[in-house]
Structure formats: structure tokens, C-alpha cells
Amino acid sequence: MPSRSLAGRVVVVTGASRGIGRAIAWAAARAGADLALLARGAEGLEETARGVREAGTRALAAPCDVADEASVKAAARAVHGTYPRVDVLVNNAGVFVSKPFLETSVEDWDRTLDVNLRGVFLCSRAFLPGMVARRSGKVINVSSIHGRLGDERVTAQCASKFGVEGLTEALAREMREHGISVNAICPGTVDATGEAPPERSPLVRRLVPDEVARLAIFLASDDADGITGSSLDVFGGTEVRIQVRR
């Protein structure tokens, strides 16, 4: 029988229409949480929400561009109008650009920073006041190994995710006195298309979203109450090479 470690809690997941965000939504549902799901892709978002509802979980689907302040405020109003509180915020929404630096356009740069970093700021600002008032809550930022190690062809990604790492540490210090933990997850290469080959170690293959989701659920649970300001690496595939190079 699956653990019900989040029973009775409300979890907001951004970027919930696919990949890691969808996996976190399903994992939170299996752990007993009620869900508020945010994403730009309305079709994929509703697919995620419909699936968890059919499995018996309460889920609100709120279309949202996390880089747009008005959109975030509208989504937050919908969430607060549906649920009496938010216990966990998972800032997962993100974009990824892989180009040589001199081929990275201003539009590439701005969109990456807007979604990956500004989005974490806006969503945290929208949902933290309620947590502060209750002196309880958890914020989990899905960062990247590129937020800890710079690499070629991913300058915008590195800049945005290094920013997420700094925001996580600073916000953790500020929120500690309010009883709120703030942590980050730094996945390596994630294959969102298939299942992990059972005969291969996760250290020598690409991860699958469920492996990242399990860590998110741990950080959201009471078992992680003593952890804040931490960034936890989830390695896989080629990131072993990067780790050794450090």
C-alpha cells in the first residue's frame, strides 16, 4: 500500500502538464494530497488533472504562465478560492535552451530567465503569505545540475538555475523564522519519454521523472521537516562526467 505521507495537504505544482511536473502531481496524489496544477499548456494540464481525478484525487487545473505576474495572480486567486490553504509549493515550470552562447538570442535569454527564475519568484510571492500567516509550509524548487555546474551551450540555463539556487538559499534563511522550509532539487539528464531500464543503475543512465518526483515527495513530507536551504542532486547519464570534472 502506498504511503499517505501527504494526506490532508494541498500541493501546488507548476509545469504540471508534462514531464517532471506531471510525475510530481501523480506522486503527490498517491501520497494523499489534494492538488492545484498550473501550466501554460491547457490540454496537457487538463490531461494531468483528469487522470488524477479519475484515480480519486481532488485536483484544480489553473492555466498559468509563471513568467507573467497577472497570470500568476489569477491562478493564485483560483487556488485560494478552491482550497482553504496551500501546504506545499513545487516550483517546477521551466524551459531549456541549448545553443552556443553566440547563437543565443536575446529572446532565448529573456524567456529562459523569465520562466526559470522570475517564475519561481512570482509563484513564491503568491503563495508564501498564507504559509507565513500559518507559520507552516514547504517550498520545493526544481533547479538543475546546471544550477551547480556551468557547462557549454547552456549559458541561459546555467544563469537561470544558478539564480534559483541563490534564491533558494536566501529564501530559506528568511522563511526559517516562519516555520517554512525552502529546498531545491537538482536533476541531471531526465528522459521524460520512457521507463527506466531495470537492469541499469540510475548513475549510468538517464533518469525518469518518477525518480525526481520521489525526492520531491520526501521533501514535502514530515520526514524532511529538519531540512531547509539545501540543494539535493539527482544524478544520471552524462552528468557523472560533469561531476567528476568538477
C-alpha atoms as a PDB file:
ATOM      1  CA  MET A   1       0.000   0.000   0.000  1.00  0.00           C
ATOM      2  CA  PRO A   2       1.472   3.389  -0.988  1.00  0.00           C
ATOM      3  CA  SER A   3       2.482   5.832   1.745  1.00  0.00           C
ATOM      4  CA  ARG A   4      -0.084   8.529   2.562  1.00  0.00           C
ATOM      5  CA  SER A   5       2.589  10.951   3.774  1.00  0.00           C
ATOM      6  CA  LEU A   6       0.764  13.988   2.342  1.00  0.00           C
ATOM      7  CA  ALA A   7      -2.782  13.057   3.345  1.00  0.00           C
ATOM      8  CA  GLY A   8      -4.926  16.114   4.006  1.00  0.00           C
ATOM      9  CA  ARG A   9      -2.430  18.547   2.480  1.00  0.00           C
ATOM     10  CA  VAL A  10      -2.740  20.840  -0.518  1.00  0.00           C
ATOM     11  CA  VAL A  11       0.123  20.798  -3.006  1.00  0.00           C
ATOM     12  CA  VAL A  12       0.601  23.319  -5.832  1.00  0.00           C
ATOM     13  CA  VAL A  13       2.693  22.068  -8.764  1.00  0.00           C
ATOM     14  CA  THR A  14       3.755  24.371 -11.606  1.00  0.00           C
ATOM     15  CA  GLY A  15       4.648  22.977 -15.011  1.00  0.00           C
ATOM     16  CA  ALA A  16       2.269  20.088 -14.290  1.00  0.00           C
ATOM     17  CA  SER A  17       1.255  19.409 -17.889  1.00  0.00           C
ATOM     18  CA  ARG A  18       4.119  17.014 -18.646  1.00  0.00           C
ATOM     19  CA  GLY A  19       7.448  15.506 -17.599  1.00  0.00           C
ATOM     20  CA  ILE A  20       8.688  16.041 -14.067  1.00  0.00           C
ATOM     21  CA  GLY A  21       5.714  18.226 -13.107  1.00  0.00           C
ATOM     22  CA  ARG A  22       3.202  15.563 -14.137  1.00  0.00           C
ATOM     23  CA  ALA A  23       5.202  12.904 -12.278  1.00  0.00           C
ATOM     24  CA  ILE A  24       5.247  15.045  -9.121  1.00  0.00           C
ATOM     25  CA  ALA A  25       1.485  15.577  -9.411  1.00  0.00           C
ATOM     26  CA  TRP A  26       0.858  11.830  -9.629  1.00  0.00           C
ATOM     27  CA  ALA A  27       3.272  11.099  -6.782  1.00  0.00           C
ATOM     28  CA  ALA A  28       1.593  13.716  -4.569  1.00  0.00           C
ATOM     29  CA  ALA A  29      -1.814  12.255  -5.416  1.00  0.00           C
ATOM     30  CA  ARG A  30      -0.631   8.768  -4.441  1.00  0.00           C
ATOM     31  CA  ALA A  31       0.667  10.268  -1.178  1.00  0.00           C
ATOM     32  CA  GLY A  32      -2.846  11.554  -0.399  1.00  0.00           C
ATOM     33  CA  ALA A  33      -2.577  15.253  -1.281  1.00  0.00           C
ATOM     34  CA  ASP A  34      -5.179  17.477  -2.896  1.00  0.00           C
ATOM     35  CA  LEU A  35      -3.687  19.214  -5.920  1.00  0.00           C
ATOM     36  CA  ALA A  36      -3.600  22.591  -7.629  1.00  0.00           C
ATOM     37  CA  LEU A  37      -1.943  22.169 -11.007  1.00  0.00           C
ATOM     38  CA  LEU A  38      -0.529  25.088 -13.002  1.00  0.00           C
ATOM     39  CA  ALA A  39       0.897  25.145 -16.532  1.00  0.00           C
ATOM     40  CA  ARG A  40       0.744  27.079 -19.794  1.00  0.00           C
ATOM     41  CA  GLY A  41      -0.267  24.039 -21.852  1.00  0.00           C
ATOM     42  CA  ALA A  42      -4.004  23.813 -21.166  1.00  0.00           C
ATOM     43  CA  GLU A  43      -4.506  20.493 -22.955  1.00  0.00           C
ATOM     44  CA  GLY A  44      -1.691  18.684 -21.144  1.00  0.00           C
ATOM     45  CA  LEU A  45      -2.666  20.337 -17.870  1.00  0.00           C
ATOM     46  CA  GLU A  46      -6.233  19.099 -18.101  1.00  0.00           C
ATOM     47  CA  GLU A  47      -4.980  15.642 -19.054  1.00  0.00           C
ATOM     48  CA  THR A  48      -2.920  15.503 -15.862  1.00  0.00           C
ATOM     49  CA  ALA A  49      -5.811  16.790 -13.757  1.00  0.00           C
ATOM     50  CA  ARG A  50      -8.307  14.401 -15.333  1.00  0.00           C
ATOM     51  CA  GLY A  51      -6.030  11.447 -14.703  1.00  0.00           C
ATOM     52  CA  VAL A  52      -5.522  12.127 -11.009  1.00  0.00           C
ATOM     53  CA  ARG A  53      -9.214  12.919 -10.546  1.00  0.00           C
ATOM     54  CA  GLU A  54     -10.153   9.569 -12.066  1.00  0.00           C
ATOM     55  CA  ALA A  55      -7.772   7.987  -9.568  1.00  0.00           C
ATOM     56  CA  GLY A  56      -9.754   9.599  -6.749  1.00  0.00           C
ATOM     57  CA  THR A  57      -7.757  12.767  -6.082  1.00  0.00           C
ATOM     58  CA  ARG A  58      -9.156  16.282  -5.903  1.00  0.00           C
ATOM     59  CA  ALA A  59      -7.363  18.449  -8.473  1.00  0.00           C
ATOM     60  CA  LEU A  60      -7.767  22.020  -9.700  1.00  0.00           C
ATOM     61  CA  ALA A  61      -6.311  22.832 -13.125  1.00  0.00           C
ATOM     62  CA  ALA A  62      -5.352  26.514 -13.408  1.00  0.00           C
ATOM     63  CA  PRO A  63      -3.752  27.573 -16.718  1.00  0.00           C
ATOM     64  CA  CYS A  64      -0.867  29.899 -15.907  1.00  0.00           C
ATOM     65  CA  ASP A  65       2.221  31.474 -17.433  1.00  0.00           C
ATOM     66  CA  VAL A  66       4.534  31.629 -14.429  1.00  0.00           C
ATOM     67  CA  ALA A  67       6.565  34.418 -16.048  1.00  0.00           C
ATOM     68  CA  ASP A  68       3.530  36.722 -16.180  1.00  0.00           C
ATOM     69  CA  GLU A  69       2.560  38.444 -12.920  1.00  0.00           C
ATOM     70  CA  ALA A  70      -1.108  38.882 -13.820  1.00  0.00           C
ATOM     71  CA  SER A  71      -1.390  35.240 -14.854  1.00  0.00           C
ATOM     72  CA  VAL A  72       0.192  34.059 -11.592  1.00  0.00           C
ATOM     73  CA  LYS A  73      -2.108  36.285  -9.534  1.00  0.00           C
ATOM     74  CA  ALA A  74      -5.162  34.926 -11.376  1.00  0.00           C
ATOM     75  CA  ALA A  75      -4.053  31.338 -10.813  1.00  0.00           C
ATOM     76  CA  ALA A  76      -3.388  32.043  -7.129  1.00  0.00           C
ATOM     77  CA  ARG A  77      -6.894  33.506  -6.759  1.00  0.00           C
ATOM     78  CA  ALA A  78      -8.339  30.331  -8.278  1.00  0.00           C
ATOM     79  CA  VAL A  79      -6.308  28.162  -5.905  1.00  0.00           C
ATOM     80  CA  HIS A  80      -7.195  30.204  -2.824  1.00  0.00           C
ATOM     81  CA  GLY A  81     -10.841  30.180  -3.902  1.00  0.00           C
ATOM     82  CA  THR A  82     -10.820  26.393  -4.066  1.00  0.00           C
ATOM     83  CA  TYR A  83      -8.708  25.393  -1.066  1.00  0.00           C
ATOM     84  CA  PRO A  84      -8.511  26.862   2.439  1.00  0.00           C
ATOM     85  CA  ARG A  85      -4.706  26.843   2.379  1.00  0.00           C
ATOM     86  CA  VAL A  86      -1.607  25.734   0.456  1.00  0.00           C
ATOM     87  CA  ASP A  87       0.815  23.482   2.335  1.00  0.00           C
ATOM     88  CA  VAL A  88       3.412  22.799  -0.363  1.00  0.00           C
ATOM     89  CA  LEU A  89       4.519  24.778  -3.416  1.00  0.00           C
ATOM     90  CA  VAL A  90       6.561  22.945  -6.045  1.00  0.00           C
ATOM     91  CA  ASN A  91       8.148  25.442  -8.458  1.00  0.00           C
ATOM     92  CA  ASN A  92       8.817  23.100 -11.360  1.00  0.00           C
ATOM     93  CA  ALA A  93       7.898  25.043 -14.517  1.00  0.00           C
ATOM     94  CA  GLY A  94      10.887  25.660 -16.744  1.00  0.00           C
ATOM     95  CA  VAL A  95      12.233  25.985 -20.265  1.00  0.00           C
ATOM     96  CA  PHE A  96      15.532  24.770 -21.664  1.00  0.00           C
ATOM     97  CA  VAL A  97      17.665  26.280 -24.441  1.00  0.00           C
ATOM     98  CA  SER A  98      20.792  24.524 -25.697  1.00  0.00           C
ATOM     99  CA  LYS A  99      22.780  26.732 -28.088  1.00  0.00           C
ATOM    100  CA  PRO A 100      26.294  28.089 -28.345  1.00  0.00           C
ATOM    101  CA  PHE A 101      26.499  31.353 -26.452  1.00  0.00           C
ATOM    102  CA  LEU A 102      26.964  33.469 -29.593  1.00  0.00           C
ATOM    103  CA  GLU A 103      23.848  31.892 -31.133  1.00  0.00           C
ATOM    104  CA  THR A 104      21.713  32.507 -28.042  1.00  0.00           C
ATOM    105  CA  SER A 105      19.294  35.318 -28.870  1.00  0.00           C
ATOM    106  CA  VAL A 106      18.067  37.987 -26.513  1.00  0.00           C
ATOM    107  CA  GLU A 107      14.653  36.331 -26.789  1.00  0.00           C
ATOM    108  CA  ASP A 108      16.142  32.956 -25.772  1.00  0.00           C
ATOM    109  CA  TRP A 109      17.884  34.581 -22.824  1.00  0.00           C
ATOM    110  CA  ASP A 110      14.890  36.597 -21.631  1.00  0.00           C
ATOM    111  CA  ARG A 111      12.405  33.726 -21.893  1.00  0.00           C
ATOM    112  CA  THR A 112      14.719  31.328 -20.034  1.00  0.00           C
ATOM    113  CA  LEU A 113      15.348  33.770 -17.191  1.00  0.00           C
ATOM    114  CA  ASP A 114      11.697  34.814 -17.099  1.00  0.00           C
ATOM    115  CA  VAL A 115      10.303  31.290 -16.749  1.00  0.00           C
ATOM    116  CA  ASN A 116      13.065  29.598 -14.782  1.00  0.00           C
ATOM    117  CA  LEU A 117      13.859  32.351 -12.280  1.00  0.00           C
ATOM    118  CA  ARG A 118      11.203  35.072 -12.398  1.00  0.00           C
ATOM    119  CA  GLY A 119       8.561  32.329 -12.336  1.00  0.00           C
ATOM    120  CA  VAL A 120       9.923  30.950  -9.055  1.00  0.00           C
ATOM    121  CA  PHE A 121       9.902  34.487  -7.607  1.00  0.00           C
ATOM    122  CA  LEU A 122       6.345  35.259  -8.706  1.00  0.00           C
ATOM    123  CA  CYS A 123       4.836  31.949  -7.603  1.00  0.00           C
ATOM    124  CA  SER A 124       6.636  32.003  -4.275  1.00  0.00           C
ATOM    125  CA  ARG A 125       5.445  35.548  -3.658  1.00  0.00           C
ATOM    126  CA  ALA A 126       1.881  34.493  -4.496  1.00  0.00           C
ATOM    127  CA  PHE A 127       1.687  31.517  -2.121  1.00  0.00           C
ATOM    128  CA  LEU A 128       4.089  32.310   0.723  1.00  0.00           C
ATOM    129  CA  PRO A 129       1.884  34.874   2.537  1.00  0.00           C
ATOM    130  CA  GLY A 130      -0.580  32.176   3.586  1.00  0.00           C
ATOM    131  CA  MET A 131       2.243  29.935   4.779  1.00  0.00           C
ATOM    132  CA  VAL A 132       3.754  32.812   6.755  1.00  0.00           C
ATOM    133  CA  ALA A 133       0.383  33.527   8.377  1.00  0.00           C
ATOM    134  CA  ARG A 134       0.074  29.865   9.448  1.00  0.00           C
ATOM    135  CA  ARG A 135       3.788  29.546  10.275  1.00  0.00           C
ATOM    136  CA  SER A 136       3.929  26.348   8.270  1.00  0.00           C
ATOM    137  CA  GLY A 137       4.732  25.294   4.721  1.00  0.00           C
ATOM    138  CA  LYS A 138       7.242  23.936   2.257  1.00  0.00           C
ATOM    139  CA  VAL A 139       8.640  25.337  -0.976  1.00  0.00           C
ATOM    140  CA  ILE A 140      10.444  22.976  -3.346  1.00  0.00           C
ATOM    141  CA  ASN A 141      12.250  24.475  -6.342  1.00  0.00           C
ATOM    142  CA  VAL A 142      13.128  22.168  -9.218  1.00  0.00           C
ATOM    143  CA  SER A 143      16.511  23.507 -10.265  1.00  0.00           C
ATOM    144  CA  SER A 144      19.077  21.598 -12.338  1.00  0.00           C
ATOM    145  CA  ILE A 145      22.588  20.246 -12.193  1.00  0.00           C
ATOM    146  CA  HIS A 146      23.271  23.281 -14.401  1.00  0.00           C
ATOM    147  CA  GLY A 147      22.461  25.415 -11.381  1.00  0.00           C
ATOM    148  CA  ARG A 148      25.503  23.968  -9.645  1.00  0.00           C
ATOM    149  CA  LEU A 149      27.933  23.304 -12.503  1.00  0.00           C
ATOM    150  CA  GLY A 150      28.442  25.553 -15.522  1.00  0.00           C
ATOM    151  CA  ASP A 151      28.666  23.834 -18.906  1.00  0.00           C
ATOM    152  CA  GLU A 152      28.926  24.725 -22.567  1.00  0.00           C
ATOM    153  CA  ARG A 153      25.929  25.520 -24.787  1.00  0.00           C
ATOM    154  CA  VAL A 154      23.621  26.104 -21.812  1.00  0.00           C
ATOM    155  CA  THR A 155      24.561  29.596 -20.661  1.00  0.00           C
ATOM    156  CA  ALA A 156      20.973  30.819 -20.247  1.00  0.00           C
ATOM    157  CA  GLN A 157      20.020  27.642 -18.394  1.00  0.00           C
ATOM    158  CA  CYS A 158      23.027  27.964 -16.088  1.00  0.00           C
ATOM    159  CA  ALA A 159      22.368  31.634 -15.387  1.00  0.00           C
ATOM    160  CA  SER A 160      18.713  30.981 -14.553  1.00  0.00           C
ATOM    161  CA  LYS A 161      19.305  27.901 -12.424  1.00  0.00           C
ATOM    162  CA  PHE A 162      22.279  29.386 -10.543  1.00  0.00           C
ATOM    163  CA  GLY A 163      19.781  32.147  -9.732  1.00  0.00           C
ATOM    164  CA  VAL A 164      17.286  29.574  -8.455  1.00  0.00           C
ATOM    165  CA  GLU A 165      19.995  28.140  -6.205  1.00  0.00           C
ATOM    166  CA  GLY A 166      20.743  31.568  -4.729  1.00  0.00           C
ATOM    167  CA  LEU A 167      17.061  32.370  -4.319  1.00  0.00           C
ATOM    168  CA  THR A 168      16.523  29.027  -2.556  1.00  0.00           C
ATOM    169  CA  GLU A 169      19.307  29.647  -0.045  1.00  0.00           C
ATOM    170  CA  ALA A 170      18.323  33.261   0.637  1.00  0.00           C
ATOM    171  CA  LEU A 171      14.617  32.492   0.940  1.00  0.00           C
ATOM    172  CA  ALA A 172      15.311  29.553   3.242  1.00  0.00           C
ATOM    173  CA  ARG A 173      17.107  31.870   5.654  1.00  0.00           C
ATOM    174  CA  GLU A 174      14.320  34.434   5.527  1.00  0.00           C
ATOM    175  CA  MET A 175      11.495  31.916   5.920  1.00  0.00           C
ATOM    176  CA  ARG A 176      13.088  29.824   8.678  1.00  0.00           C
ATOM    177  CA  GLU A 177      11.676  32.024  11.436  1.00  0.00           C
ATOM    178  CA  HIS A 178       8.200  31.493   9.959  1.00  0.00           C
ATOM    179  CA  GLY A 179       8.438  27.696  10.115  1.00  0.00           C
ATOM    180  CA  ILE A 180       8.731  27.326   6.336  1.00  0.00           C
ATOM    181  CA  SER A 181      11.356  25.185   4.628  1.00  0.00           C
ATOM    182  CA  VAL A 182      12.740  26.024   1.188  1.00  0.00           C
ATOM    183  CA  ASN A 183      14.801  23.457  -0.723  1.00  0.00           C
ATOM    184  CA  ALA A 184      15.867  22.704  -4.280  1.00  0.00           C
ATOM    185  CA  ILE A 185      16.216  19.557  -6.361  1.00  0.00           C
ATOM    186  CA  CYS A 186      18.961  19.466  -8.996  1.00  0.00           C
ATOM    187  CA  PRO A 187      18.230  16.730 -11.543  1.00  0.00           C
ATOM    188  CA  GLY A 188      20.731  15.549 -14.098  1.00  0.00           C
ATOM    189  CA  THR A 189      19.536  14.359 -17.508  1.00  0.00           C
ATOM    190  CA  VAL A 190      15.899  13.257 -17.351  1.00  0.00           C
ATOM    191  CA  ASP A 191      14.204  11.150 -20.011  1.00  0.00           C
ATOM    192  CA  ALA A 192      10.545  12.100 -19.953  1.00  0.00           C
ATOM    193  CA  THR A 193       9.539   9.584 -22.626  1.00  0.00           C
ATOM    194  CA  GLY A 194      10.027   6.140 -21.109  1.00  0.00           C
ATOM    195  CA  GLU A 195      10.602   3.878 -18.165  1.00  0.00           C
ATOM    196  CA  ALA A 196      13.999   3.312 -16.573  1.00  0.00           C
ATOM    197  CA  PRO A 197      15.653   0.082 -17.769  1.00  0.00           C
ATOM    198  CA  PRO A 198      15.528  -2.144 -14.656  1.00  0.00           C
ATOM    199  CA  GLU A 199      18.917  -3.703 -15.327  1.00  0.00           C
ATOM    200  CA  ARG A 200      20.849  -0.421 -15.346  1.00  0.00           C
ATOM    201  CA  SER A 201      21.902   1.761 -12.434  1.00  0.00           C
ATOM    202  CA  PRO A 202      20.452   5.293 -12.315  1.00  0.00           C
ATOM    203  CA  LEU A 203      24.059   6.501 -12.136  1.00  0.00           C
ATOM    204  CA  VAL A 204      24.806   5.310 -15.682  1.00  0.00           C
ATOM    205  CA  ARG A 205      21.579   6.135 -17.484  1.00  0.00           C
ATOM    206  CA  ARG A 206      19.133   8.959 -17.883  1.00  0.00           C
ATOM    207  CA  LEU A 207      16.718   9.415 -15.025  1.00  0.00           C
ATOM    208  CA  VAL A 208      12.967   9.212 -15.458  1.00  0.00           C
ATOM    209  CA  PRO A 209      10.585  11.796 -13.962  1.00  0.00           C
ATOM    210  CA  ASP A 210       9.330   9.458 -11.234  1.00  0.00           C
ATOM    211  CA  GLU A 211      12.821   9.355  -9.707  1.00  0.00           C
ATOM    212  CA  VAL A 212      12.798  13.123  -9.301  1.00  0.00           C
ATOM    213  CA  ALA A 213       9.195  13.046  -8.070  1.00  0.00           C
ATOM    214  CA  ARG A 214      10.038  10.670  -5.235  1.00  0.00           C
ATOM    215  CA  LEU A 215      12.575  13.155  -3.884  1.00  0.00           C
ATOM    216  CA  ALA A 216      10.021  15.971  -4.130  1.00  0.00           C
ATOM    217  CA  ILE A 217       7.523  13.952  -2.087  1.00  0.00           C
ATOM    218  CA  PHE A 218      10.170  13.247   0.545  1.00  0.00           C
ATOM    219  CA  LEU A 219      10.947  16.978   0.844  1.00  0.00           C
ATOM    220  CA  ALA A 220       7.219  17.723   1.098  1.00  0.00           C
ATOM    221  CA  SER A 221       6.713  15.183   3.890  1.00  0.00           C
ATOM    222  CA  ASP A 222       7.221  15.382   7.645  1.00  0.00           C
ATOM    223  CA  ASP A 223      10.354  13.259   7.228  1.00  0.00           C
ATOM    224  CA  ALA A 224      12.116  16.328   5.793  1.00  0.00           C
ATOM    225  CA  ASP A 225      10.999  18.810   8.446  1.00  0.00           C
ATOM    226  CA  GLY A 226      14.596  19.391   9.552  1.00  0.00           C
ATOM    227  CA  ILE A 227      15.881  20.199   6.055  1.00  0.00           C
ATOM    228  CA  THR A 228      15.945  23.726   4.636  1.00  0.00           C
ATOM    229  CA  GLY A 229      18.261  25.704   2.375  1.00  0.00           C
ATOM    230  CA  SER A 230      19.526  22.501   0.756  1.00  0.00           C
ATOM    231  CA  SER A 231      20.019  21.585  -2.894  1.00  0.00           C
ATOM    232  CA  LEU A 232      19.887  17.848  -3.497  1.00  0.00           C
ATOM    233  CA  ASP A 233      21.497  16.394  -6.629  1.00  0.00           C
ATOM    234  CA  VAL A 234      19.783  13.608  -8.560  1.00  0.00           C
ATOM    235  CA  PHE A 235      22.397  12.384 -10.993  1.00  0.00           C
ATOM    236  CA  GLY A 236      22.002  10.318 -14.129  1.00  0.00           C
ATOM    237  CA  GLY A 237      23.558   9.750 -17.516  1.00  0.00           C
ATOM    238  CA  THR A 238      26.189  12.190 -18.734  1.00  0.00           C
ATOM    239  CA  GLU A 239      26.143  14.223 -15.538  1.00  0.00           C
ATOM    240  CA  VAL A 240      28.501  11.668 -13.979  1.00  0.00           C
ATOM    241  CA  ARG A 241      31.123  13.019 -16.380  1.00  0.00           C
ATOM    242  CA  ILE A 242      30.400  16.590 -15.292  1.00  0.00           C
ATOM    243  CA  GLN A 243      30.528  15.658 -11.627  1.00  0.00           C
ATOM    244  CA  VAL A 244      33.952  14.047 -11.993  1.00  0.00           C
ATOM    245  CA  ARG A 245      35.236  17.033 -13.945  1.00  0.00           C
ATOM    246  CA  ARG A 246      34.480  19.331 -11.007  1.00  0.00           C
END
